[in-house]
């Protein structure tokens, strides 16, 4: 577990742009299984989350079409919520950071850590914008 004072600025990079931080399995399950679209970010303290994932996610919100709900869990901190989110991302193996888009409770788009590492934020943003345009209308 990471101390809250370390992860707080990393949480705020997403919560400041409209993401709801969830910490329990029931909260994440409720968000994902409800109707509409839900973007779930498994946030992380790693360098690729700071340099690529969070900036790319923020840039992706500059799109005409967006998910109904923006949700985030923090790996290594929100264990219960993270474990539940990952269980709903099967068949993809657990990774952090990772980004999943659900539509009416079904996983429709996934970006794993290996798709984030070494990719610029704008490429991640474009990938997400395409997914929003396809699934969130």
C-alpha atoms as a PDB file:
ATOM      1  CA  UNK A   1       0.000   0.000   0.000  1.00  0.00           C
ATOM      2  CA  UNK A   2       1.193   3.467  -0.864  1.00  0.00           C
ATOM      3  CA  UNK A   3       0.715   6.340   1.602  1.00  0.00           C
ATOM      4  CA  UNK A   4      -2.197   8.626   0.687  1.00  0.00           C
ATOM      5  CA  UNK A   5       0.032  11.718   0.564  1.00  0.00           C
ATOM      6  CA  UNK A   6       2.022  10.112  -2.244  1.00  0.00           C
ATOM      7  CA  UNK A   7      -0.951   9.070  -4.379  1.00  0.00           C
ATOM      8  CA  UNK A   8      -3.183  12.106  -3.764  1.00  0.00           C
ATOM      9  CA  UNK A   9      -1.712  14.252  -6.582  1.00  0.00           C
ATOM     10  CA  UNK A  10      -1.950  11.268  -8.952  1.00  0.00           C
ATOM     11  CA  UNK A  11      -5.589  10.690  -7.980  1.00  0.00           C
ATOM     12  CA  UNK A  12      -6.348  14.371  -8.476  1.00  0.00           C
ATOM     13  CA  UNK A  13      -5.018  14.322 -12.033  1.00  0.00           C
ATOM     14  CA  UNK A  14      -8.140  12.314 -12.855  1.00  0.00           C
ATOM     15  CA  UNK A  15     -10.665  13.403 -10.223  1.00  0.00           C
ATOM     16  CA  UNK A  16     -10.066  17.057 -11.126  1.00  0.00           C
ATOM     17  CA  UNK A  17     -11.408  16.363 -14.637  1.00  0.00           C
ATOM     18  CA  UNK A  18     -14.511  14.475 -13.543  1.00  0.00           C
ATOM     19  CA  UNK A  19     -13.433  10.953 -12.607  1.00  0.00           C
ATOM     20  CA  UNK A  20     -15.027   9.385  -9.557  1.00  0.00           C
ATOM     21  CA  UNK A  21     -12.521   7.623  -7.327  1.00  0.00           C
ATOM     22  CA  UNK A  22     -14.000   4.366  -6.056  1.00  0.00           C
ATOM     23  CA  UNK A  23     -12.593   2.227  -3.287  1.00  0.00           C
ATOM     24  CA  UNK A  24     -14.986  -0.696  -2.845  1.00  0.00           C
ATOM     25  CA  UNK A  25     -15.955  -3.642  -4.990  1.00  0.00           C
ATOM     26  CA  UNK A  26     -19.639  -2.719  -4.808  1.00  0.00           C
ATOM     27  CA  UNK A  27     -18.943   0.826  -6.077  1.00  0.00           C
ATOM     28  CA  UNK A  28     -16.959  -0.359  -9.084  1.00  0.00           C
ATOM     29  CA  UNK A  29     -19.407  -3.152  -9.874  1.00  0.00           C
ATOM     30  CA  UNK A  30     -22.323  -0.713  -9.698  1.00  0.00           C
ATOM     31  CA  UNK A  31     -20.560   1.742 -12.022  1.00  0.00           C
ATOM     32  CA  UNK A  32     -19.603  -0.899 -14.580  1.00  0.00           C
ATOM     33  CA  UNK A  33     -22.813  -2.931 -14.566  1.00  0.00           C
ATOM     34  CA  UNK A  34     -25.146   0.060 -14.911  1.00  0.00           C
ATOM     35  CA  UNK A  35     -26.519   1.051 -18.293  1.00  0.00           C
ATOM     36  CA  UNK A  36     -24.536   3.360 -20.515  1.00  0.00           C
ATOM     37  CA  UNK A  37     -20.785   3.556 -20.917  1.00  0.00           C
ATOM     38  CA  UNK A  38     -18.190   3.585 -18.158  1.00  0.00           C
ATOM     39  CA  UNK A  39     -14.501   4.334 -18.558  1.00  0.00           C
ATOM     40  CA  UNK A  40     -12.480   2.614 -15.836  1.00  0.00           C
ATOM     41  CA  UNK A  41      -8.884   3.647 -15.238  1.00  0.00           C
ATOM     42  CA  UNK A  42      -6.650   1.474 -13.089  1.00  0.00           C
ATOM     43  CA  UNK A  43      -4.324   4.243 -11.940  1.00  0.00           C
ATOM     44  CA  UNK A  44      -0.742   3.635 -10.858  1.00  0.00           C
ATOM     45  CA  UNK A  45       2.320   5.340  -9.395  1.00  0.00           C
ATOM     46  CA  UNK A  46       4.551   4.104 -12.227  1.00  0.00           C
ATOM     47  CA  UNK A  47       6.261   6.365 -14.721  1.00  0.00           C
ATOM     48  CA  UNK A  48       4.167   5.304 -17.692  1.00  0.00           C
ATOM     49  CA  UNK A  49       1.019   6.294 -15.807  1.00  0.00           C
ATOM     50  CA  UNK A  50       2.479   9.738 -15.138  1.00  0.00           C
ATOM     51  CA  UNK A  51       4.006  10.343 -18.569  1.00  0.00           C
ATOM     52  CA  UNK A  52       1.578   8.550 -20.854  1.00  0.00           C
ATOM     53  CA  UNK A  53      -1.661   7.220 -19.339  1.00  0.00           C
ATOM     54  CA  UNK A  54      -3.016  10.089 -17.238  1.00  0.00           C
ATOM     55  CA  UNK A  55      -2.084  12.807 -19.761  1.00  0.00           C
ATOM     56  CA  UNK A  56      -3.556  10.698 -22.587  1.00  0.00           C
ATOM     57  CA  UNK A  57      -6.753  10.093 -20.655  1.00  0.00           C
ATOM     58  CA  UNK A  58      -7.126  13.807 -19.917  1.00  0.00           C
ATOM     59  CA  UNK A  59      -6.558  14.659 -23.595  1.00  0.00           C
ATOM     60  CA  UNK A  60      -9.151  12.075 -24.626  1.00  0.00           C
ATOM     61  CA  UNK A  61     -11.813  14.067 -22.808  1.00  0.00           C
ATOM     62  CA  UNK A  62     -11.442  16.770 -25.474  1.00  0.00           C
ATOM     63  CA  UNK A  63     -13.879  14.848 -27.645  1.00  0.00           C
ATOM     64  CA  UNK A  64     -17.457  15.494 -28.684  1.00  0.00           C
ATOM     65  CA  UNK A  65     -18.554  12.010 -27.575  1.00  0.00           C
ATOM     66  CA  UNK A  66     -17.653  10.831 -24.065  1.00  0.00           C
ATOM     67  CA  UNK A  67     -18.480   7.919 -21.761  1.00  0.00           C
ATOM     68  CA  UNK A  68     -21.465   8.359 -19.436  1.00  0.00           C
ATOM     69  CA  UNK A  69     -19.334   7.666 -16.364  1.00  0.00           C
ATOM     70  CA  UNK A  70     -15.662   8.208 -15.598  1.00  0.00           C
ATOM     71  CA  UNK A  71     -14.341   5.971 -12.828  1.00  0.00           C
ATOM     72  CA  UNK A  72     -10.931   5.238 -11.401  1.00  0.00           C
ATOM     73  CA  UNK A  73      -9.365   2.834  -8.933  1.00  0.00           C
ATOM     74  CA  UNK A  74      -5.798   3.039  -7.669  1.00  0.00           C
ATOM     75  CA  UNK A  75      -3.664  -0.099  -7.886  1.00  0.00           C
ATOM     76  CA  UNK A  76      -1.734  -0.745  -4.696  1.00  0.00           C
ATOM     77  CA  UNK A  77      -4.138   1.424  -2.689  1.00  0.00           C
ATOM     78  CA  UNK A  78      -7.773   0.599  -3.460  1.00  0.00           C
ATOM     79  CA  UNK A  79      -7.210  -3.146  -3.421  1.00  0.00           C
ATOM     80  CA  UNK A  80     -10.852  -4.255  -3.134  1.00  0.00           C
ATOM     81  CA  UNK A  81     -12.061  -2.024  -5.980  1.00  0.00           C
ATOM     82  CA  UNK A  82      -9.020  -2.769  -8.144  1.00  0.00           C
ATOM     83  CA  UNK A  83      -9.432  -6.528  -7.744  1.00  0.00           C
ATOM     84  CA  UNK A  84     -13.119  -6.295  -8.663  1.00  0.00           C
ATOM     85  CA  UNK A  85     -12.433  -4.071 -11.691  1.00  0.00           C
ATOM     86  CA  UNK A  86      -9.758  -6.462 -12.927  1.00  0.00           C
ATOM     87  CA  UNK A  87     -12.098  -9.445 -12.498  1.00  0.00           C
ATOM     88  CA  UNK A  88     -14.516  -7.716 -14.885  1.00  0.00           C
ATOM     89  CA  UNK A  89     -11.714  -7.120 -17.427  1.00  0.00           C
ATOM     90  CA  UNK A  90     -11.151 -10.834 -18.096  1.00  0.00           C
ATOM     91  CA  UNK A  91      -9.695 -12.241 -20.371  1.00  0.00           C
ATOM     92  CA  UNK A  92      -7.096  -9.492 -20.057  1.00  0.00           C
ATOM     93  CA  UNK A  93      -4.471 -10.117 -17.377  1.00  0.00           C
ATOM     94  CA  UNK A  94      -4.168  -7.618 -14.516  1.00  0.00           C
ATOM     95  CA  UNK A  95      -2.004  -4.635 -15.366  1.00  0.00           C
ATOM     96  CA  UNK A  96      -1.572  -1.124 -14.143  1.00  0.00           C
ATOM     97  CA  UNK A  97      -2.019   1.295 -15.489  1.00  0.00           C
ATOM     98  CA  UNK A  98      -4.816   0.074 -17.713  1.00  0.00           C
ATOM     99  CA  UNK A  99      -7.914   1.615 -19.244  1.00  0.00           C
ATOM    100  CA  UNK A 100     -11.186  -0.191 -19.950  1.00  0.00           C
ATOM    101  CA  UNK A 101     -14.393   0.953 -21.587  1.00  0.00           C
ATOM    102  CA  UNK A 102     -17.601  -0.859 -20.668  1.00  0.00           C
ATOM    103  CA  UNK A 103     -20.950  -0.514 -22.392  1.00  0.00           C
ATOM    104  CA  UNK A 104     -24.031  -1.751 -20.541  1.00  0.00           C
ATOM    105  CA  UNK A 105     -21.766  -3.852 -18.325  1.00  0.00           C
ATOM    106  CA  UNK A 106     -19.796  -5.455 -21.166  1.00  0.00           C
ATOM    107  CA  UNK A 107     -16.120  -4.803 -21.828  1.00  0.00           C
ATOM    108  CA  UNK A 108     -15.865  -3.248 -25.294  1.00  0.00           C
ATOM    109  CA  UNK A 109     -12.359  -1.705 -25.371  1.00  0.00           C
ATOM    110  CA  UNK A 110      -9.168  -2.332 -23.406  1.00  0.00           C
ATOM    111  CA  UNK A 111      -5.798  -0.639 -23.235  1.00  0.00           C
ATOM    112  CA  UNK A 112      -3.263  -2.670 -21.297  1.00  0.00           C
ATOM    113  CA  UNK A 113      -0.007  -1.450 -19.789  1.00  0.00           C
ATOM    114  CA  UNK A 114       2.011  -2.763 -22.730  1.00  0.00           C
ATOM    115  CA  UNK A 115      -0.114  -0.508 -24.988  1.00  0.00           C
ATOM    116  CA  UNK A 116       0.717   2.474 -22.738  1.00  0.00           C
ATOM    117  CA  UNK A 117       4.449   2.052 -22.144  1.00  0.00           C
ATOM    118  CA  UNK A 118       6.474   4.000 -24.668  1.00  0.00           C
ATOM    119  CA  UNK A 119       3.433   5.435 -26.453  1.00  0.00           C
ATOM    120  CA  UNK A 120       2.914   9.191 -26.411  1.00  0.00           C
ATOM    121  CA  UNK A 121      -0.087  10.617 -24.573  1.00  0.00           C
ATOM    122  CA  UNK A 122      -1.642  11.909 -27.787  1.00  0.00           C
ATOM    123  CA  UNK A 123      -1.629   8.378 -29.299  1.00  0.00           C
ATOM    124  CA  UNK A 124      -3.400   7.033 -26.202  1.00  0.00           C
ATOM    125  CA  UNK A 125      -5.892   9.906 -26.425  1.00  0.00           C
ATOM    126  CA  UNK A 126      -6.624   9.156 -30.079  1.00  0.00           C
ATOM    127  CA  UNK A 127      -7.120   5.470 -29.297  1.00  0.00           C
ATOM    128  CA  UNK A 128      -9.636   6.379 -26.586  1.00  0.00           C
ATOM    129  CA  UNK A 129     -11.417   8.982 -28.724  1.00  0.00           C
ATOM    130  CA  UNK A 130     -11.954   6.352 -31.419  1.00  0.00           C
ATOM    131  CA  UNK A 131     -13.416   3.994 -28.812  1.00  0.00           C
ATOM    132  CA  UNK A 132     -15.714   6.761 -27.498  1.00  0.00           C
ATOM    133  CA  UNK A 133     -16.885   7.562 -31.014  1.00  0.00           C
ATOM    134  CA  UNK A 134     -17.641   3.897 -31.684  1.00  0.00           C
ATOM    135  CA  UNK A 135     -19.241   2.861 -28.384  1.00  0.00           C
ATOM    136  CA  UNK A 136     -20.532   5.967 -26.585  1.00  0.00           C
ATOM    137  CA  UNK A 137     -23.036   7.377 -29.088  1.00  0.00           C
END
